[in-house]
Amino acid sequence: MDTIALLLAIIGGLNWGLVGLFKFDLVAWLFGGQTALLARVVYILVALSALWCITLLFRKDRPCCGE
């Protein structure tokens, strides 16, 4: 679950980078526009994965540098 969430968060971050740099929404382009059902599903999955990734910051068993 952590890996899937991290991959989706990376996809979302790259998509936002494209929007910021080039005004190009890759997800919308791939799935038929921002209001297309599949694009909206991807946006929702990216948002949920970002929320999941927040939990990675607070886990006691997370690997960290030097610990």
PDB file of N, CA and C in Angstrom:
ATOM      1  N   MET A   1       0.825  -1.194   0.000  1.00  0.00           N
ATOM      2  CA  MET A   1       0.000   0.000   0.000  1.00  0.00           C
ATOM      3  C   MET A   1       0.870   1.259   0.000  1.00  0.00           C
ATOM      4  N   ASP A   2       1.949   1.234   0.782  1.00  0.00           N
ATOM      5  CA  ASP A   2       2.836   2.392   0.850  1.00  0.00           C
ATOM      6  C   ASP A   2       3.448   2.696  -0.520  1.00  0.00           C
ATOM      7  N   THR A   3       3.865   1.661  -1.223  1.00  0.00           N
ATOM      8  CA  THR A   3       4.498   1.855  -2.528  1.00  0.00           C
ATOM      9  C   THR A   3       3.512   2.425  -3.542  1.00  0.00           C
ATOM     10  N   ILE A   4       2.301   1.896  -3.553  1.00  0.00           N
ATOM     11  CA  ILE A   4       1.272   2.395  -4.474  1.00  0.00           C
ATOM     12  C   ILE A   4       0.955   3.853  -4.161  1.00  0.00           C
ATOM     13  N   ALA A   5       0.801   4.162  -2.889  1.00  0.00           N
ATOM     14  CA  ALA A   5       0.497   5.541  -2.488  1.00  0.00           C
ATOM     15  C   ALA A   5       1.636   6.479  -2.881  1.00  0.00           C
ATOM     16  N   LEU A   6       2.866   6.025  -2.684  1.00  0.00           N
ATOM     17  CA  LEU A   6       4.001   6.865  -3.032  1.00  0.00           C
ATOM     18  C   LEU A   6       4.077   7.091  -4.546  1.00  0.00           C
ATOM     19  N   LEU A   7       3.836   6.055  -5.327  1.00  0.00           N
ATOM     20  CA  LEU A   7       3.845   6.199  -6.784  1.00  0.00           C
ATOM     21  C   LEU A   7       2.764   7.169  -7.261  1.00  0.00           C
ATOM     22  N   LEU A   8       1.571   7.052  -6.702  1.00  0.00           N
ATOM     23  CA  LEU A   8       0.499   7.963  -7.088  1.00  0.00           C
ATOM     24  C   LEU A   8       0.794   9.401  -6.663  1.00  0.00           C
ATOM     25  N   ALA A   9       1.403   9.569  -5.500  1.00  0.00           N
ATOM     26  CA  ALA A   9       1.772  10.913  -5.056  1.00  0.00           C
ATOM     27  C   ALA A   9       2.847  11.508  -5.973  1.00  0.00           C
ATOM     28  N   ILE A  10       3.766  10.688  -6.428  1.00  0.00           N
ATOM     29  CA  ILE A  10       4.793  11.154  -7.361  1.00  0.00           C
ATOM     30  C   ILE A  10       4.154  11.559  -8.683  1.00  0.00           C
ATOM     31  N   ILE A  11       3.230  10.742  -9.178  1.00  0.00           N
ATOM     32  CA  ILE A  11       2.515  11.075 -10.411  1.00  0.00           C
ATOM     33  C   ILE A  11       1.796  12.416 -10.256  1.00  0.00           C
ATOM     34  N   GLY A  12       1.136  12.602  -9.128  1.00  0.00           N
ATOM     35  CA  GLY A  12       0.444  13.870  -8.872  1.00  0.00           C
ATOM     36  C   GLY A  12       1.405  15.040  -8.821  1.00  0.00           C
ATOM     37  N   GLY A  13       2.545  14.842  -8.179  1.00  0.00           N
ATOM     38  CA  GLY A  13       3.536  15.915  -8.101  1.00  0.00           C
ATOM     39  C   GLY A  13       4.098  16.274  -9.465  1.00  0.00           C
ATOM     40  N   LEU A  14       4.380  15.265 -10.270  1.00  0.00           N
ATOM     41  CA  LEU A  14       4.875  15.530 -11.621  1.00  0.00           C
ATOM     42  C   LEU A  14       3.813  16.224 -12.467  1.00  0.00           C
ATOM     43  N   ASN A  15       2.573  15.808 -12.312  1.00  0.00           N
ATOM     44  CA  ASN A  15       1.489  16.450 -13.059  1.00  0.00           C
ATOM     45  C   ASN A  15       1.362  17.921 -12.664  1.00  0.00           C
ATOM     46  N   TRP A  16       1.430  18.217 -11.359  1.00  0.00           N
ATOM     47  CA  TRP A  16       1.367  19.610 -10.915  1.00  0.00           C
ATOM     48  C   TRP A  16       2.562  20.401 -11.419  1.00  0.00           C
ATOM     49  N   GLY A  17       3.725  19.757 -11.494  1.00  0.00           N
ATOM     50  CA  GLY A  17       4.898  20.419 -12.046  1.00  0.00           C
ATOM     51  C   GLY A  17       4.690  20.796 -13.503  1.00  0.00           C
ATOM     52  N   LEU A  18       4.102  19.884 -14.272  1.00  0.00           N
ATOM     53  CA  LEU A  18       3.799  20.182 -15.672  1.00  0.00           C
ATOM     54  C   LEU A  18       2.787  21.313 -15.800  1.00  0.00           C
ATOM     55  N   VAL A  19       1.801  21.318 -14.918  1.00  0.00           N
ATOM     56  CA  VAL A  19       0.802  22.388 -14.940  1.00  0.00           C
ATOM     57  C   VAL A  19       1.471  23.721 -14.621  1.00  0.00           C
ATOM     58  N   GLY A  20       2.322  23.737 -13.612  1.00  0.00           N
ATOM     59  CA  GLY A  20       2.985  24.973 -13.221  1.00  0.00           C
ATOM     60  C   GLY A  20       3.972  25.489 -14.253  1.00  0.00           C
ATOM     61  N   LEU A  21       4.726  24.591 -14.852  1.00  0.00           N
ATOM     62  CA  LEU A  21       5.758  25.007 -15.803  1.00  0.00           C
ATOM     63  C   LEU A  21       5.216  25.282 -17.202  1.00  0.00           C
ATOM     64  N   PHE A  22       4.308  24.421 -17.652  1.00  0.00           N
ATOM     65  CA  PHE A  22       3.897  24.473 -19.055  1.00  0.00           C
ATOM     66  C   PHE A  22       2.394  24.624 -19.276  1.00  0.00           C
ATOM     67  N   LYS A  23       1.630  24.754 -18.180  1.00  0.00           N
ATOM     68  CA  LYS A  23       0.167  24.806 -18.268  1.00  0.00           C
ATOM     69  C   LYS A  23      -0.384  23.592 -19.026  1.00  0.00           C
ATOM     70  N   PHE A  24       0.228  22.429 -18.756  1.00  0.00           N
ATOM     71  CA  PHE A  24      -0.162  21.193 -19.415  1.00  0.00           C
ATOM     72  C   PHE A  24      -0.545  20.160 -18.365  1.00  0.00           C
ATOM     73  N   ASP A  25      -1.798  19.760 -18.350  1.00  0.00           N
ATOM     74  CA  ASP A  25      -2.303  18.764 -17.408  1.00  0.00           C
ATOM     75  C   ASP A  25      -2.271  17.397 -18.092  1.00  0.00           C
ATOM     76  N   LEU A  26      -1.256  16.606 -17.763  1.00  0.00           N
ATOM     77  CA  LEU A  26      -1.064  15.309 -18.405  1.00  0.00           C
ATOM     78  C   LEU A  26      -2.218  14.361 -18.119  1.00  0.00           C
ATOM     79  N   VAL A  27      -2.701  14.346 -16.895  1.00  0.00           N
ATOM     80  CA  VAL A  27      -3.820  13.459 -16.542  1.00  0.00           C
ATOM     81  C   VAL A  27      -5.052  13.809 -17.367  1.00  0.00           C
ATOM     82  N   ALA A  28      -5.374  15.080 -17.459  1.00  0.00           N
ATOM     83  CA  ALA A  28      -6.528  15.507 -18.253  1.00  0.00           C
ATOM     84  C   ALA A  28      -6.318  15.163 -19.721  1.00  0.00           C
ATOM     85  N   TRP A  29      -5.111  15.356 -20.215  1.00  0.00           N
ATOM     86  CA  TRP A  29      -4.823  15.066 -21.614  1.00  0.00           C
ATOM     87  C   TRP A  29      -4.975  13.572 -21.908  1.00  0.00           C
ATOM     88  N   LEU A  30      -4.498  12.738 -20.982  1.00  0.00           N
ATOM     89  CA  LEU A  30      -4.582  11.286 -21.192  1.00  0.00           C
ATOM     90  C   LEU A  30      -6.010  10.752 -21.110  1.00  0.00           C
ATOM     91  N   PHE A  31      -6.814  11.353 -20.247  1.00  0.00           N
ATOM     92  CA  PHE A  31      -8.118  10.770 -19.953  1.00  0.00           C
ATOM     93  C   PHE A  31      -9.305  11.594 -20.424  1.00  0.00           C
ATOM     94  N   GLY A  32      -9.085  12.583 -21.287  1.00  0.00           N
ATOM     95  CA  GLY A  32     -10.205  13.262 -21.910  1.00  0.00           C
ATOM     96  C   GLY A  32     -10.698  14.526 -21.252  1.00  0.00           C
ATOM     97  N   GLY A  33      -9.859  15.223 -20.545  1.00  0.00           N
ATOM     98  CA  GLY A  33     -10.254  16.482 -19.919  1.00  0.00           C
ATOM     99  C   GLY A  33     -10.398  16.359 -18.419  1.00  0.00           C
ATOM    100  N   GLN A  34     -10.350  17.511 -17.753  1.00  0.00           N
ATOM    101  CA  GLN A  34     -10.404  17.515 -16.285  1.00  0.00           C
ATOM    102  C   GLN A  34     -11.715  17.001 -15.729  1.00  0.00           C
ATOM    103  N   THR A  35     -12.781  17.138 -16.483  1.00  0.00           N
ATOM    104  CA  THR A  35     -14.083  16.710 -15.971  1.00  0.00           C
ATOM    105  C   THR A  35     -14.447  15.293 -16.384  1.00  0.00           C
ATOM    106  N   ALA A  36     -13.592  14.634 -17.156  1.00  0.00           N
ATOM    107  CA  ALA A  36     -13.855  13.246 -17.543  1.00  0.00           C
ATOM    108  C   ALA A  36     -13.811  12.359 -16.302  1.00  0.00           C
ATOM    109  N   LEU A  37     -14.662  11.376 -16.274  1.00  0.00           N
ATOM    110  CA  LEU A  37     -14.781  10.509 -15.103  1.00  0.00           C
ATOM    111  C   LEU A  37     -13.459   9.860 -14.734  1.00  0.00           C
ATOM    112  N   LEU A  38     -12.755   9.317 -15.707  1.00  0.00           N
ATOM    113  CA  LEU A  38     -11.493   8.640 -15.414  1.00  0.00           C
ATOM    114  C   LEU A  38     -10.445   9.608 -14.876  1.00  0.00           C
ATOM    115  N   ALA A  39     -10.386  10.811 -15.415  1.00  0.00           N
ATOM    116  CA  ALA A  39      -9.454  11.813 -14.902  1.00  0.00           C
ATOM    117  C   ALA A  39      -9.797  12.170 -13.459  1.00  0.00           C
ATOM    118  N   ARG A  40     -11.068  12.324 -13.183  1.00  0.00           N
ATOM    119  CA  ARG A  40     -11.484  12.646 -11.804  1.00  0.00           C
ATOM    120  C   ARG A  40     -11.133  11.522 -10.846  1.00  0.00           C
ATOM    121  N   VAL A  41     -11.262  10.283 -11.300  1.00  0.00           N
ATOM    122  CA  VAL A  41     -10.884   9.131 -10.464  1.00  0.00           C
ATOM    123  C   VAL A  41      -9.386   9.187 -10.160  1.00  0.00           C
ATOM    124  N   VAL A  42      -8.579   9.492 -11.177  1.00  0.00           N
ATOM    125  CA  VAL A  42      -7.135   9.593 -10.960  1.00  0.00           C
ATOM    126  C   VAL A  42      -6.826  10.718  -9.968  1.00  0.00           C
ATOM    127  N   TYR A  43      -7.467  11.875 -10.126  1.00  0.00           N
ATOM    128  CA  TYR A  43      -7.247  12.979  -9.191  1.00  0.00           C
ATOM    129  C   TYR A  43      -7.602  12.567  -7.755  1.00  0.00           C
ATOM    130  N   ILE A  44      -8.690  11.861  -7.595  1.00  0.00           N
ATOM    131  CA  ILE A  44      -9.113  11.416  -6.259  1.00  0.00           C
ATOM    132  C   ILE A  44      -8.121  10.413  -5.689  1.00  0.00           C
ATOM    133  N   LEU A  45      -7.662   9.480  -6.517  1.00  0.00           N
ATOM    134  CA  LEU A  45      -6.681   8.494  -6.047  1.00  0.00           C
ATOM    135  C   LEU A  45      -5.365   9.162  -5.653  1.00  0.00           C
ATOM    136  N   VAL A  46      -4.955  10.157  -6.402  1.00  0.00           N
ATOM    137  CA  VAL A  46      -3.731  10.888  -6.065  1.00  0.00           C
ATOM    138  C   VAL A  46      -3.909  11.610  -4.730  1.00  0.00           C
ATOM    139  N   ALA A  47      -5.056  12.233  -4.520  1.00  0.00           N
ATOM    140  CA  ALA A  47      -5.315  12.935  -3.254  1.00  0.00           C
ATOM    141  C   ALA A  47      -5.336  11.958  -2.078  1.00  0.00           C
ATOM    142  N   LEU A  48      -5.985  10.818  -2.252  1.00  0.00           N
ATOM    143  CA  LEU A  48      -6.022   9.820  -1.183  1.00  0.00           C
ATOM    144  C   LEU A  48      -4.626   9.265  -0.896  1.00  0.00           C
ATOM    145  N   SER A  49      -3.834   9.087  -1.945  1.00  0.00           N
ATOM    146  CA  SER A  49      -2.482   8.576  -1.729  1.00  0.00           C
ATOM    147  C   SER A  49      -1.628   9.606  -0.992  1.00  0.00           C
ATOM    148  N   ALA A  50      -1.841  10.892  -1.281  1.00  0.00           N
ATOM    149  CA  ALA A  50      -1.107  11.929  -0.554  1.00  0.00           C
ATOM    150  C   ALA A  50      -1.472  11.908   0.930  1.00  0.00           C
ATOM    151  N   LEU A  51      -2.744  11.726   1.213  1.00  0.00           N
ATOM    152  CA  LEU A  51      -3.166  11.603   2.614  1.00  0.00           C
ATOM    153  C   LEU A  51      -2.519  10.398   3.272  1.00  0.00           C
ATOM    154  N   TRP A  52      -2.462   9.289   2.562  1.00  0.00           N
ATOM    155  CA  TRP A  52      -1.836   8.078   3.096  1.00  0.00           C
ATOM    156  C   TRP A  52      -0.349   8.329   3.371  1.00  0.00           C
ATOM    157  N   CYS A  53       0.312   9.056   2.467  1.00  0.00           N
ATOM    158  CA  CYS A  53       1.744   9.318   2.624  1.00  0.00           C
ATOM    159  C   CYS A  53       2.040  10.175   3.852  1.00  0.00           C
ATOM    160  N   ILE A  54       1.071  10.954   4.296  1.00  0.00           N
ATOM    161  CA  ILE A  54       1.259  11.718   5.532  1.00  0.00           C
ATOM    162  C   ILE A  54       1.539  10.777   6.699  1.00  0.00           C
ATOM    163  N   THR A  55       0.892   9.612   6.702  1.00  0.00           N
ATOM    164  CA  THR A  55       1.101   8.657   7.796  1.00  0.00           C
ATOM    165  C   THR A  55       2.534   8.143   7.819  1.00  0.00           C
ATOM    166  N   LEU A  56       3.222   8.172   6.682  1.00  0.00           N
ATOM    167  CA  LEU A  56       4.611   7.712   6.646  1.00  0.00           C
ATOM    168  C   LEU A  56       5.503   8.576   7.526  1.00  0.00           C
ATOM    169  N   LEU A  57       5.138   9.827   7.685  1.00  0.00           N
ATOM    170  CA  LEU A  57       5.939  10.739   8.502  1.00  0.00           C
ATOM    171  C   LEU A  57       5.882  10.413   9.985  1.00  0.00           C
ATOM    172  N   PHE A  58       4.828   9.775  10.427  1.00  0.00           N
ATOM    173  CA  PHE A  58       4.598   9.580  11.858  1.00  0.00           C
ATOM    174  C   PHE A  58       4.736   8.135  12.315  1.00  0.00           C
ATOM    175  N   ARG A  59       5.161   7.261  11.447  1.00  0.00           N
ATOM    176  CA  ARG A  59       5.338   5.860  11.831  1.00  0.00           C
ATOM    177  C   ARG A  59       6.619   5.682  12.624  1.00  0.00           C
ATOM    178  N   LYS A  60       6.536   4.885  13.670  1.00  0.00           N
ATOM    179  CA  LYS A  60       7.694   4.639  14.503  1.00  0.00           C
ATOM    180  C   LYS A  60       8.665   3.665  13.859  1.00  0.00           C
ATOM    181  N   ASP A  61       8.162   2.790  12.982  1.00  0.00           N
ATOM    182  CA  ASP A  61       9.008   1.763  12.376  1.00  0.00           C
ATOM    183  C   ASP A  61       9.602   2.191  11.035  1.00  0.00           C
ATOM    184  N   ARG A  62       9.472   3.475  10.692  1.00  0.00           N
ATOM    185  CA  ARG A  62       9.985   3.927   9.401  1.00  0.00           C
ATOM    186  C   ARG A  62      11.525   3.949   9.433  1.00  0.00           C
ATOM    187  N   PRO A  63      12.124   3.560   8.337  1.00  0.00           N
ATOM    188  CA  PRO A  63      13.596   3.654   8.270  1.00  0.00           C
ATOM    189  C   PRO A  63      14.015   5.116   8.119  1.00  0.00           C
ATOM    190  N   CYS A  64      15.003   5.491   8.868  1.00  0.00           N
ATOM    191  CA  CYS A  64      15.470   6.873   8.804  1.00  0.00           C
ATOM    192  C   CYS A  64      17.000   6.893   8.846  1.00  0.00           C
ATOM    193  N   CYS A  65      17.542   7.919   8.325  1.00  0.00           N
ATOM    194  CA  CYS A  65      19.008   8.045   8.242  1.00  0.00           C
ATOM    195  C   CYS A  65      19.625   8.086   9.623  1.00  0.00           C
ATOM    196  N   GLY A  66      20.539   7.172   9.891  1.00  0.00           N
ATOM    197  CA  GLY A  66      21.315   7.196  11.123  1.00  0.00           C
ATOM    198  C   GLY A  66      20.623   6.652  12.353  1.00  0.00           C
ATOM    199  N   GLU A  67      19.424   6.168  12.256  1.00  0.00           N
ATOM    200  CA  GLU A  67      18.765   5.644  13.462  1.00  0.00           C
ATOM    201  C   GLU A  67      18.884   4.154  13.547  1.00  0.00           C
TER     202      GLU A  67
END
